[in-house]
Amino acid sequence: MCGIIGLSNVPDAARVAYLGLYALQHRGQESAGIVTVDDLGASHLARGMGLVGDIFREPDFRELDGDVGIGHARYSTAGSSVIANAQPCVANYRGGPLALAHNGNLTNAVAVKRALVAEGAIFQSSSDSEVIVHLIARSRAATPEAQIREAVSQIEGAFSLVITVGRTLYCVVDPHGFRPLVLGRLGEGIIAASETCALDLVGATLIRELGPGDFVEVIDGMVRDLPSIGRAPVSKRCVFELVYFARPDSTVFGESVDRVRRELGRRLAAEHPAPGADVVFSVPDSANMMAVGFAEVSGVKLEHGLIRNHYVGRTFINPTQALRVAKVKIKFNPVKEVIAGKSVVVVDDSLVRGTTSKGLVQMIRGAGAREVHLRLASPPITGPCHYGIDTPSRDELIAANYSIEEIAQYLGVDSLGYLSLDGMLAAAGSARTGFCHACFSGQYPIEPAGELVELATRSR
């Protein structure tokens, strides 16, 4: 999972891309980059490690000339966390300067990469995204459109792509539609972005969300729909986008993230009430609206029991376990006046490894809570995600290895309740949209090759 943005016919494209990436910073915090293309078709690149606001400076924008461009905020899932894996990927080839930004994860990248290397390809990174660049560059098709089409026909898994070839912008979504991508209008220009919140920040108007298999070409701000790259029989949108990843002010897969999270909380309260509890509060920020929904149905008083330090990044998507553990201690602080002597309900979006929640429960106990009841607005995560989320092994997933009773004991809570799979899907709007819930149910739309982990351990 990461944040991508593409622009066509947008004056000062680099600054607009920068603002868009700022809005998408929650989707990736390891590195960021921007490529622009000027009136003469020359490309310009700036990228670095860290947060968007720390990477780009005024001299960078003076160098990033052009009204066409793409940007990327990286969250790693395949390929090490180093500058060589920062995106956009860039290459010079016969169709002009090529740049690509990828959100997702390829399930057959190892096999494709091995075949390309056997044919003489030289890779500059361990990112699976570079595989797509090589496939495009090596295609013998006559046009960039056909080359991209041929390339994506050879890859499997999750991919939402923004690609520039010369001054033309292409946007592609995989046949299952795992990851979101929207189109917006800004003046005479077009912006593609992972979430609508990026459009809101730059003042763009939403045109539509791209669906599974959609393929569009944008030249000088004019959108042309190209024939689909193919659609799966049933779309498989990632439900975890609505549960955790996306910003609550975004619309994702046609659903208001805010609405979904409130409904998740309501259903959680109906399935797992906490009789006798004095207050309910969220683990901010992704669970805020879930706690609101829980309070609405349960009648338990809603409070702010944990204060988040917003100068610390998202704990779950930090690349190493050591960083996750350290950041819990500086990311949250309990409000003792709300907690002391109370029976509290703590609402969170999910439980992955358990280390963050264990530390939080200890903090809440230390603030004087009489009882701690943990409520999770999604089912137990029992399997790894192969489509862009950093859960590479069942060994890291607490629910894959322990019972609910054992997890509650490990966390130190008085009770633990998970929302059911049916409850989560009903809240997410599954009557209208098919969702991927493999990490909860084990029902994988695409079975990955057994050698998937060989590519490396992190990318995007």
Foldseek 3Di string as FASTA:
>chain_A
DWKKKWKALAALQVVLQLLLNLLRQQRAFFKKKKWAAAPVLDIDIFMDTGTSVVGDDPVNSVRRHHRTMMMIHKFKFWFDSDPLQYDQDWDQADLGIKTKDKAKFWQCLVVLVVVVVVVPDDDSTLDSVVSLVSQLRPDPDDDSVVSSLRSLVPIDFWIWMWMDRRNKIKTFGAQQRAFKWWWWDDPLMIMIIRWCSSCVSSVTGTDGIDGHQWMWMAHNRDIDTDPGSHHDPAHAYALVCLLARPDQPTQTPNHRSLQLLLLLLLLLCVVDPDPPFAEEEEPDDSNHSSSVSVCVNRVHHYDHFKDFDVVDHDLQSDPDPVSSLVVLVVGIATDLVVAAPGAYEYEYAAAFQLNSLLVVLVRSVVSHHPFYEYTHSAAQQQDDDNIHGQPPDSVRGPVNPDPLVVSCVSSVHPYYYYRDHVSSCVSSPCVVHHHHPCRRVVDDPDDRDPCSCVSDRIHD
